[in-house]
Every structure is written in C-alpha cells, then in structure tokens.
Amino acid sequence: MKGISKLSLAIAMAGYGITAMAAVEDAGHVNIGPVELTPMATLAIGHDDNIFRQGGEDELANKSSTVINVDASAAFKAQQGMSTYEARLAAKNTSFTSESDANFTDYGVTGLVHQEFNSRNRLDVDFDFGRYHDTGSAIDGADNKEAPEFTRTKGGLKYGFGSTEAMMRADLFSNYNKQKYQETAGTKEGSDRKTVEYGTTVFYRFMPKTDALVEIKQRELDYTNEQGAGYDITSYLVGLNWEATAKTSGYAKVGRRYRDTSASDVERQDYTGWEVGVSYLPVDHSLFQLSTSRDYGLESENPQTADFTQGTTSSVNWEHQWTAKISTNANYSYTDEEVQNRFGVSQKDRTINQFALSVDWNVMRYATVSLSYENTDRDESGVDEDGYKRNVYMLSGTIAL
C-alpha cells in the first residue's frame, strides 16, 4: 500500500470511529457467501475516581468505583468492486462494583455504505440505531442513580457528483440525529433533542491535489419538548481541501455562522466560525492529526435545561506503531465555550481539558491487550457551576472469535 493510500485510510478510520476492529492485528472472520462475519468480544476492568462526573459539594461528587465492561459485537462486511457495505451489531454492559444502581447496558446497530456508481457518482451512508445511556449522569441525583436511557436514531448521507480528479465537483449531504429519553427518566423527561443538517460543498481544483471550496449548510438544533427552545444555524464557509503530498492532507474552512430562533425577543446572532483538520504521516507507522472547530451546539452536559453552547474545540492525536506488536495512541483536546439559555443570555463559561493515552499489545494474531488512562479537568464560572476532575484507568482484552 502506498503512503497516500495509508494516509487516506487512516483519516477515514478516524472519521468513522472504527475502534474495535482496528484493535486486533488480523481479525479472523467467517465467510457467509459474499459476506465476512467477524465476531468480537472485549473484557475490561479498571477504576473510575468520579463516576458521576460531579464536583464541589454535590452528594455524588468524587464517587469512585471499580468498573467492569463487557462488550460483544458481530461485524458484517461485503465488497463489490469499489463499493463496500458494513454493519455492526454490538452490546456493552458497564458495571460499577461500588455503585450498582448506576449499572447499564447499551446495544445497537451501526453501519457504513460506500457505493461507487461510476467515476462521477458516489454515495456514502452511515447509520446508528440503538438504546443508549447518558454515561456519567444520574436520573435524579442521589435519589435515583440510574443513568438516563434514550433511544438514538441517527443517519447521514453524502452524494458526490463529478470525478474526484475533475476541475469541478460537488457534494450534497444531510444528517439526522434524534435522542428520545424514556418516560421513566425522572428529571430527564423533556430532554428529547434533535439535530437536522443539510447542505452542499462545491470544489474547484486549481492545483494538483488541491481544491478551493465553498460550503453552505443549515443545521436545526431543537429540544423537541421545550417550546421556543431551538436554533437554526446557517453557515457560509470558504476554504481549501488538499492532499498535497504522500505525507500531508487536510481541509480548512472559515466563514460566518448565523443563529436564528423562534423564541420571542431574541435577535439574530452571528459570528466567525471555522472547521480545520490536518493529518501528517511522517513515516508509515506514525500518524498525527489536528482538528479545531468554532460553532454553536446543544448543551449535552445538562440537556434538561434547554441551554445551548457557543465555543471552540481543538484536539491533537498521535498514533504510533513502535514494533510489530506494540502501538500507542495519545490524544489531547481543549474546549472553551459559553453556555447560553434559549434567549441567548450567557449563563456560564466553561473550559474542558481532556487527555487520553493507550498502549496496545497484539499478544497473538486474533487477540490484543490494552492499557489506557484518561484524565478530564472541567472548570466552570457563572450560574450553576459544575466543574470536576476525573481519572480513569482501564485494562482490557479484545479477541476476534
């Protein structure tokens, strides 16, 4: 595989979040006609020193526990020419030995489709349907420590017209993400939320492997059970998309974002936003990725308040293969955002520093052992401050059955 192909593959895997399959050196599979079936299982045990992600004087602050995760999945993959079809059924149980009321099980099905109709027409589709939980949260504080449960309905598609080597081409895209909480979710009732996005990007190739781009997109952010608690975000961006060398590729977009709402007495707001992502492959066994974005968003930390955010998130990731059997992955992210209520009034400022490091050892062809550490430091100032610190250590083993 040539360097540029490896880089493109790494970017694609990072973008879609393929983790379990990548953790095994050479995952075994069973052929069912044209379909490859890969069953996998992961057992992890570790320690979380703040399982409810609370600080200050809260009753649940700094509650620690041994954590046990059991993850079972079955991946299906088929390929026809340049087109690929993938689906994954997965279930994951999370148990806390010191806080059994907080135990939960997530399950769902995810998938990816890449359809190459011809050199000028292609379609990418992804989806996620399942029953999940707000990890680290509680339905009603110390009175009910169960994690709030919701049903996720998520999907996206991108249709590309024009050859990727042509002077002009365009992408049409749309995304849908809805989280519906269970009626028994106590204080989380009314937290149902939905995001709908659609738009187009037009590319103009003015240099080999380098495109200028113009992007227009609309995104609707909505808490479906809260009257007047929603925003329409319209973005007008210009920038570049490049695969300059076998070592570097990326994109950079900057422009204005406009926020409109149906709530009374709230004027239209706008500010400069951006989306940047760069990948650098100095050698074929080491990959650096940098990303940053400035945008509006839903307040996922406390969705029942129907607040929204405006801020910047940046991250850097380094993956390195030290030997044929041992690799590491280090990640750091920084978020600086302002939380606003439905009327656009500032409630508080928040900064979040997150660091994660993992070491993977391919013990044998179908098995990997991993040791990971994650640190979170969140600081808030303003109304209902909710800062905390958290450390998580995990030892896990993954096997392709």
Protein backbone atom coordinates (compact mmCIF):
# COMPACT_ATOMS: atom_id res chain seq x y z
CA MET A 1 0.00 0.00 0.00
CA LYS A 2 1.41 3.37 -1.00
CA GLY A 3 1.88 6.18 1.53
CA ILE A 4 -1.04 8.29 0.30
CA SER A 5 -3.39 5.30 0.45
CA LYS A 6 -2.35 4.59 4.03
CA LEU A 7 -2.97 8.21 4.96
CA SER A 8 -6.41 8.26 3.37
CA LEU A 9 -7.34 5.02 5.14
CA ALA A 10 -6.17 6.37 8.49
CA ILE A 11 -8.23 9.53 8.04
CA ALA A 12 -11.32 7.55 7.09
CA MET A 13 -10.99 5.25 10.09
CA ALA A 14 -10.50 8.19 12.45
CA GLY A 15 -13.52 9.96 11.00
CA TYR A 16 -15.85 7.00 11.40
CA GLY A 17 -14.54 5.95 14.84
CA ILE A 18 -13.65 2.36 13.96
CA THR A 19 -12.01 1.14 17.16
CA ALA A 20 -12.82 -2.45 17.95
CA MET A 21 -11.81 -3.85 14.58
CA ALA A 22 -8.59 -1.83 14.50
CA ALA A 23 -7.62 -3.15 17.93
CA VAL A 24 -6.95 -6.63 16.57
CA GLU A 25 -3.95 -7.15 14.33
CA ASP A 26 -5.65 -9.52 11.88
CA ALA A 27 -9.25 -10.13 12.91
CA GLY A 28 -10.47 -13.57 11.89
CA HIS A 29 -13.74 -13.87 10.01
CA VAL A 30 -16.24 -16.40 8.74
CA ASN A 31 -17.37 -16.26 5.12
CA ILE A 32 -21.14 -16.42 4.69
CA GLY A 33 -21.42 -16.30 0.94
CA PRO A 34 -20.18 -12.83 -0.10
CA VAL A 35 -20.34 -11.55 3.49
CA GLU A 36 -17.48 -11.62 6.01
CA LEU A 37 -18.65 -12.14 9.59
CA THR A 38 -16.28 -11.15 12.41
CA PRO A 39 -17.45 -11.83 15.99
CA MET A 40 -15.51 -9.95 18.66
CA ALA A 41 -15.54 -9.72 22.44
CA THR A 42 -13.87 -7.35 24.90
CA LEU A 43 -13.49 -7.63 28.67
CA ALA A 44 -12.18 -4.59 30.56
CA ILE A 45 -11.60 -3.84 34.22
CA GLY A 46 -10.40 -0.60 35.76
CA HIS A 47 -11.02 2.25 38.18
CA ASP A 48 -13.01 5.50 37.81
CA ASP A 49 -12.49 8.07 40.58
CA ASN A 50 -15.55 10.19 39.62
CA ILE A 51 -18.18 8.00 38.01
CA PHE A 52 -20.96 10.63 38.19
CA ARG A 53 -18.69 13.44 36.94
CA GLN A 54 -19.57 15.80 39.76
CA GLY A 55 -17.53 18.21 41.87
CA GLY A 56 -17.92 20.68 44.69
CA GLU A 57 -20.38 19.81 47.48
CA ASP A 58 -22.66 17.60 45.40
CA GLU A 59 -23.67 14.30 47.08
CA LEU A 60 -22.36 12.34 44.11
CA ALA A 61 -19.06 14.23 43.86
CA ASN A 62 -15.91 12.11 43.56
CA LYS A 63 -17.72 8.79 43.94
CA SER A 64 -15.17 6.16 42.87
CA SER A 65 -15.60 2.54 41.86
CA THR A 66 -14.06 -0.41 40.10
CA VAL A 67 -15.51 -0.55 36.58
CA ILE A 68 -16.14 -3.70 34.54
CA ASN A 69 -17.05 -3.51 30.85
CA VAL A 70 -18.19 -6.48 28.74
CA ASP A 71 -18.54 -5.76 25.04
CA ALA A 72 -19.74 -8.26 22.42
CA SER A 73 -20.16 -7.49 18.73
CA ALA A 74 -20.59 -9.03 15.30
CA ALA A 75 -19.33 -7.16 12.24
CA PHE A 76 -20.58 -7.87 8.72
CA LYS A 77 -18.75 -6.69 5.62
CA ALA A 78 -19.26 -7.17 1.89
CA GLN A 79 -17.48 -5.66 -1.09
CA GLN A 80 -18.35 -5.38 -4.75
CA GLY A 81 -15.80 -3.65 -6.89
CA MET A 82 -15.10 -0.25 -5.34
CA SER A 83 -18.28 -0.38 -3.23
CA THR A 84 -18.29 -1.59 0.39
CA TYR A 85 -21.10 -2.40 2.83
CA GLU A 86 -20.56 -2.73 6.57
CA ALA A 87 -22.80 -3.26 9.61
CA ARG A 88 -22.03 -3.96 13.27
CA LEU A 89 -24.30 -5.31 15.98
CA ALA A 90 -22.98 -4.53 19.45
CA ALA A 91 -23.95 -4.73 23.11
CA LYS A 92 -21.94 -3.34 26.02
CA ASN A 93 -22.56 -3.79 29.74
CA THR A 94 -21.00 -1.33 32.19
CA SER A 95 -20.92 -2.29 35.88
CA PHE A 96 -19.73 -0.33 38.92
CA THR A 97 -18.90 -2.55 41.90
CA SER A 98 -19.43 0.28 44.44
CA GLU A 99 -22.48 1.87 42.78
CA SER A 100 -24.57 -0.94 41.29
CA ASP A 101 -27.57 1.38 40.81
CA ALA A 102 -25.62 3.09 38.05
CA ASN A 103 -25.07 -0.10 36.01
CA PHE A 104 -26.40 -0.10 32.46
CA THR A 105 -26.31 -1.93 29.12
CA ASP A 106 -26.12 -0.25 25.71
CA TYR A 107 -26.96 -2.00 22.47
CA GLY A 108 -27.44 -1.01 18.87
CA VAL A 109 -26.57 -1.44 15.22
CA THR A 110 -24.26 0.83 13.22
CA GLY A 111 -23.32 0.73 9.58
CA LEU A 112 -21.43 2.28 6.67
CA VAL A 113 -22.15 2.08 2.94
CA HIS A 114 -19.89 3.38 0.20
CA GLN A 115 -21.43 3.00 -3.25
CA GLU A 116 -19.43 3.78 -6.38
CA PHE A 117 -21.95 4.05 -9.21
CA ASN A 118 -19.29 5.21 -11.67
CA SER A 119 -16.33 7.60 -11.76
CA ARG A 120 -18.67 10.61 -11.49
CA ASN A 121 -21.27 9.42 -8.99
CA ARG A 122 -20.80 8.03 -5.48
CA LEU A 123 -22.83 7.75 -2.30
CA ASP A 124 -21.81 7.40 1.35
CA VAL A 125 -24.36 6.42 4.02
CA ASP A 126 -23.92 5.86 7.76
CA PHE A 127 -26.46 4.98 10.47
CA ASP A 128 -26.77 4.25 14.18
CA PHE A 129 -29.91 2.83 15.82
CA GLY A 130 -29.97 1.66 19.42
CA ARG A 131 -30.69 2.09 23.11
CA TYR A 132 -28.01 4.03 24.97
CA HIS A 133 -27.41 5.90 28.25
CA ASP A 134 -26.02 9.27 29.35
CA THR A 135 -22.75 7.96 30.76
CA GLY A 136 -21.72 9.64 33.99
CA SER A 137 -25.12 11.18 34.65
CA ALA A 138 -27.95 10.24 37.05
CA ILE A 139 -31.72 10.49 36.64
CA ASP A 140 -32.33 12.27 39.94
CA GLY A 141 -29.03 12.74 41.75
CA ALA A 142 -28.54 10.65 44.88
CA ASP A 143 -32.28 9.73 44.91
CA ASN A 144 -32.02 7.80 41.63
CA LYS A 145 -28.54 6.98 40.39
CA GLU A 146 -29.65 5.18 37.25
CA ALA A 147 -28.12 6.52 34.05
CA PRO A 148 -30.77 8.26 31.86
CA GLU A 149 -31.75 5.99 28.98
CA PHE A 150 -32.57 7.12 25.47
CA THR A 151 -33.21 5.75 22.01
CA ARG A 152 -30.93 7.07 19.28
CA THR A 153 -31.97 7.37 15.65
CA LYS A 154 -29.06 8.67 13.63
CA GLY A 155 -28.15 8.68 9.98
CA GLY A 156 -26.22 10.59 7.36
CA LEU A 157 -25.64 10.56 3.64
CA LYS A 158 -23.35 12.29 1.19
CA TYR A 159 -23.79 12.20 -2.56
CA GLY A 160 -20.79 13.18 -4.67
CA PHE A 161 -21.15 14.32 -8.27
CA GLY A 162 -18.16 14.73 -10.55
CA SER A 163 -14.88 12.89 -10.75
CA THR A 164 -12.55 13.45 -7.79
CA GLU A 165 -9.89 14.40 -10.37
CA ALA A 166 -12.14 16.82 -12.28
CA MET A 167 -11.78 20.60 -12.13
CA MET A 168 -15.29 20.97 -10.66
CA ARG A 169 -17.25 18.64 -8.38
CA ALA A 170 -19.88 18.91 -5.67
CA ASP A 171 -21.09 17.06 -2.57
CA LEU A 172 -24.66 17.13 -1.29
CA PHE A 173 -25.07 16.00 2.32
CA SER A 174 -27.60 15.61 5.11
CA ASN A 175 -27.51 14.32 8.70
CA TYR A 176 -30.20 13.44 11.22
CA ASN A 177 -29.72 12.69 14.93
CA LYS A 178 -32.56 12.24 17.44
CA GLN A 179 -32.37 11.19 21.09
CA LYS A 180 -35.67 10.27 22.75
CA TYR A 181 -35.49 9.71 26.51
CA GLN A 182 -37.59 7.11 28.28
CA GLU A 183 -40.75 8.24 30.07
CA THR A 184 -39.39 6.83 33.35
CA ALA A 185 -36.36 9.11 33.16
CA GLY A 186 -37.42 11.36 36.07
CA THR A 187 -35.85 14.80 35.73
CA LYS A 188 -34.61 13.89 32.26
CA GLU A 189 -38.16 13.95 30.86
CA GLY A 190 -38.39 16.79 28.36
CA SER A 191 -34.76 16.34 27.34
CA ASP A 192 -35.57 14.85 23.94
CA ARG A 193 -33.39 16.54 21.35
CA LYS A 194 -32.90 16.52 17.61
CA THR A 195 -30.35 17.82 15.11
CA VAL A 196 -31.05 18.04 11.38
CA GLU A 197 -28.37 19.24 8.96
CA TYR A 198 -28.21 19.59 5.19
CA GLY A 199 -26.13 21.47 2.67
CA THR A 200 -23.71 21.38 -0.23
CA THR A 201 -19.99 21.81 -0.84
CA VAL A 202 -18.61 22.83 -4.25
CA PHE A 203 -14.94 22.10 -5.05
CA TYR A 204 -12.76 23.80 -7.67
CA ARG A 205 -9.36 22.20 -8.41
CA PHE A 206 -6.87 24.99 -9.08
CA MET A 207 -3.73 22.96 -8.31
CA PRO A 208 -2.93 19.22 -8.42
CA LYS A 209 -4.44 17.57 -5.32
CA THR A 210 -5.65 20.97 -4.01
CA ASP A 211 -9.22 22.30 -4.19
CA ALA A 212 -10.81 25.60 -3.28
CA LEU A 213 -14.26 25.09 -1.76
CA VAL A 214 -17.47 26.91 -0.95
CA GLU A 215 -19.89 25.37 1.55
CA ILE A 216 -23.42 26.37 2.55
CA LYS A 217 -25.26 24.42 5.19
CA GLN A 218 -28.24 24.65 7.51
CA ARG A 219 -28.43 22.97 10.91
CA GLU A 220 -31.52 22.83 13.12
CA LEU A 221 -30.89 22.33 16.87
CA ASP A 222 -34.03 21.52 18.81
CA TYR A 223 -35.24 20.30 22.20
CA THR A 224 -38.46 18.73 20.96
CA ASN A 225 -40.46 19.00 24.22
CA GLU A 226 -39.48 22.59 25.03
CA GLN A 227 -41.42 25.40 23.38
CA GLY A 228 -39.17 28.01 21.77
CA ALA A 229 -36.01 26.07 22.66
CA GLY A 230 -34.42 25.71 19.27
CA TYR A 231 -31.99 27.37 16.90
CA ASP A 232 -31.41 27.32 13.16
CA ILE A 233 -27.71 27.67 12.32
CA THR A 234 -26.82 28.78 8.79
CA SER A 235 -23.13 28.62 7.83
CA TYR A 236 -21.38 30.18 4.82
CA LEU A 237 -17.82 28.87 4.58
CA VAL A 238 -14.92 29.07 2.13
CA GLY A 239 -11.62 27.25 2.25
CA LEU A 240 -9.27 24.59 0.91
CA ASN A 241 -9.18 20.81 0.68
CA TRP A 242 -5.84 19.16 -0.09
CA GLU A 243 -3.78 16.01 -0.36
CA ALA A 244 -0.60 17.92 -1.02
CA THR A 245 1.88 15.09 -0.57
CA ALA A 246 2.04 11.45 0.45
CA LYS A 247 2.54 12.72 3.99
CA THR A 248 0.01 15.53 4.42
CA SER A 249 -3.69 16.06 3.75
CA GLY A 250 -6.49 18.10 5.29
CA TYR A 251 -9.12 20.77 4.97
CA ALA A 252 -9.68 24.31 6.25
CA LYS A 253 -13.00 26.20 6.17
CA VAL A 254 -13.82 29.62 7.64
CA GLY A 255 -16.83 31.93 7.38
CA ARG A 256 -19.89 33.32 9.14
CA ARG A 257 -22.45 31.37 11.16
CA TYR A 258 -25.90 32.87 11.72
CA ARG A 259 -28.20 31.76 14.56
CA ASP A 260 -31.97 32.30 14.33
CA THR A 261 -34.64 31.26 16.83
CA SER A 262 -38.42 31.31 17.08
CA ALA A 263 -38.27 32.42 20.72
CA SER A 264 -39.72 35.88 21.29
CA ASP A 265 -37.47 38.88 21.90
CA VAL A 266 -34.36 37.06 20.62
CA GLU A 267 -32.46 38.77 17.82
CA ARG A 268 -30.48 37.03 15.12
CA GLN A 269 -26.87 36.43 16.12
CA ASP A 270 -23.77 35.74 14.04
CA TYR A 271 -20.04 35.26 14.47
CA THR A 272 -17.00 33.87 12.67
CA GLY A 273 -16.71 30.09 12.70
CA TRP A 274 -14.32 27.55 11.27
CA GLU A 275 -13.57 23.85 10.71
CA VAL A 276 -9.98 22.68 10.24
CA GLY A 277 -8.47 19.19 10.07
CA VAL A 278 -4.89 18.23 9.19
CA SER A 279 -3.25 14.79 9.04
CA TYR A 280 0.51 14.28 8.86
CA LEU A 281 2.18 10.92 8.22
CA PRO A 282 5.95 11.48 8.62
CA VAL A 283 6.58 7.73 8.34
CA ASP A 284 4.20 4.90 7.55
CA HIS A 285 3.95 3.81 11.22
CA SER A 286 3.23 7.22 12.80
CA LEU A 287 0.21 9.48 12.27
CA PHE A 288 -0.50 12.96 13.67
CA GLN A 289 -3.98 14.51 13.41
CA LEU A 290 -5.02 18.03 14.37
CA SER A 291 -8.55 19.44 14.32
CA THR A 292 -10.30 22.58 15.51
CA SER A 293 -13.82 23.98 15.12
CA ARG A 294 -15.79 27.02 16.30
CA ASP A 295 -19.54 26.55 16.27
CA TYR A 296 -22.88 26.57 18.09
CA GLY A 297 -24.11 23.37 19.76
CA LEU A 298 -26.59 21.71 22.11
CA GLU A 299 -25.75 21.68 25.82
CA SER A 300 -25.35 17.91 26.14
CA GLU A 301 -23.95 18.09 29.68
CA ASN A 302 -27.35 19.13 31.11
CA PRO A 303 -29.88 18.73 28.29
CA GLN A 304 -32.94 19.21 30.52
CA THR A 305 -32.09 22.92 30.90
CA ALA A 306 -32.54 23.52 27.14
CA ASP A 307 -29.34 25.56 27.09
CA PHE A 308 -27.01 25.95 24.11
CA THR A 309 -23.29 26.46 23.63
CA GLN A 310 -21.05 28.72 21.58
CA GLY A 311 -17.35 27.93 21.57
CA THR A 312 -14.19 26.37 20.20
CA THR A 313 -12.91 22.80 20.46
CA SER A 314 -9.40 21.75 19.39
CA SER A 315 -7.67 18.37 19.56
CA VAL A 316 -4.43 16.67 18.60
CA ASN A 317 -3.95 12.91 18.22
CA TRP A 318 -0.81 10.82 17.75
CA GLU A 319 -0.83 7.15 16.77
CA HIS A 320 2.49 5.32 16.66
CA GLN A 321 3.45 1.70 15.90
CA TRP A 322 6.59 1.08 17.97
CA THR A 323 7.07 -2.56 16.99
CA ALA A 324 5.14 -5.17 15.05
CA LYS A 325 3.21 -5.94 18.26
CA ILE A 326 3.12 -2.70 20.30
CA SER A 327 1.43 0.60 19.46
CA THR A 328 0.28 3.70 21.35
CA ASN A 329 -2.40 6.32 20.90
CA ALA A 330 -2.23 9.71 22.66
CA ASN A 331 -4.95 12.37 22.46
CA TYR A 332 -5.42 15.83 23.94
CA SER A 333 -8.46 18.08 23.48
CA TYR A 334 -9.35 21.55 24.75
CA THR A 335 -12.81 23.12 24.75
CA ASP A 336 -13.55 26.76 25.56
CA GLU A 337 -17.26 27.58 25.34
CA GLU A 338 -20.03 29.79 26.64
CA VAL A 339 -23.34 28.28 27.78
CA GLN A 340 -26.38 30.35 26.83
CA ASN A 341 -30.07 29.89 27.63
CA ARG A 342 -32.78 29.72 25.00
CA PHE A 343 -32.90 33.54 24.84
CA GLY A 344 -29.19 33.84 24.04
CA VAL A 345 -28.29 35.13 27.52
CA SER A 346 -24.92 33.92 28.82
CA GLN A 347 -25.19 31.56 31.80
CA LYS A 348 -21.61 30.46 32.36
CA ASP A 349 -18.17 29.97 30.83
CA ARG A 350 -16.64 26.51 30.60
CA THR A 351 -13.22 25.09 29.76
CA ILE A 352 -12.52 21.37 29.43
CA ASN A 353 -9.07 19.77 29.23
CA GLN A 354 -9.02 16.07 28.32
CA PHE A 355 -6.02 13.79 27.92
CA ALA A 356 -6.04 10.10 26.98
CA LEU A 357 -3.25 7.57 26.44
CA SER A 358 -3.49 3.90 25.48
CA VAL A 359 -0.93 1.16 24.85
CA ASP A 360 -1.95 -1.83 22.72
CA TRP A 361 -0.13 -5.15 22.62
CA ASN A 362 -1.03 -7.69 19.94
CA VAL A 363 -0.43 -10.81 22.01
CA MET A 364 -1.39 -13.07 19.15
CA ARG A 365 -2.94 -12.82 15.74
CA TYR A 366 -6.55 -12.53 16.94
CA ALA A 367 -6.04 -11.02 20.41
CA THR A 368 -4.96 -7.67 21.84
CA VAL A 369 -4.36 -6.46 25.39
CA SER A 370 -4.70 -2.71 26.09
CA LEU A 371 -3.86 -0.43 28.98
CA SER A 372 -5.43 3.05 28.95
CA TYR A 373 -5.61 6.22 31.05
CA GLU A 374 -8.00 9.17 30.71
CA ASN A 375 -7.96 12.49 32.58
CA THR A 376 -10.65 15.18 32.47
CA ASP A 377 -10.46 18.62 34.11
CA ARG A 378 -13.57 20.77 33.67
CA ASP A 379 -13.77 24.30 35.05
CA GLU A 380 -16.89 26.49 35.07
CA SER A 381 -17.75 30.01 36.22
CA GLY A 382 -21.25 31.51 36.33
CA VAL A 383 -24.73 30.13 37.04
CA ASP A 384 -24.92 26.52 38.36
CA GLU A 385 -21.18 25.91 38.22
CA ASP A 386 -20.42 22.23 37.67
CA GLY A 387 -16.69 21.73 37.43
CA TYR A 388 -14.94 18.47 38.28
CA LYS A 389 -11.81 16.37 37.84
CA ARG A 390 -11.82 12.71 36.76
CA ASN A 391 -9.27 9.93 36.21
CA VAL A 392 -9.99 6.55 34.63
CA TYR A 393 -7.61 3.58 34.34
CA MET A 394 -8.60 0.51 32.30
CA LEU A 395 -7.01 -2.84 31.39
CA SER A 396 -8.81 -4.62 28.56
CA GLY A 397 -8.52 -7.65 26.33
CA THR A 398 -10.09 -7.98 22.88
CA ILE A 399 -10.41 -11.19 20.88
CA ALA A 400 -11.80 -11.96 17.46
CA LEU A 401 -13.63 -15.24 17.93
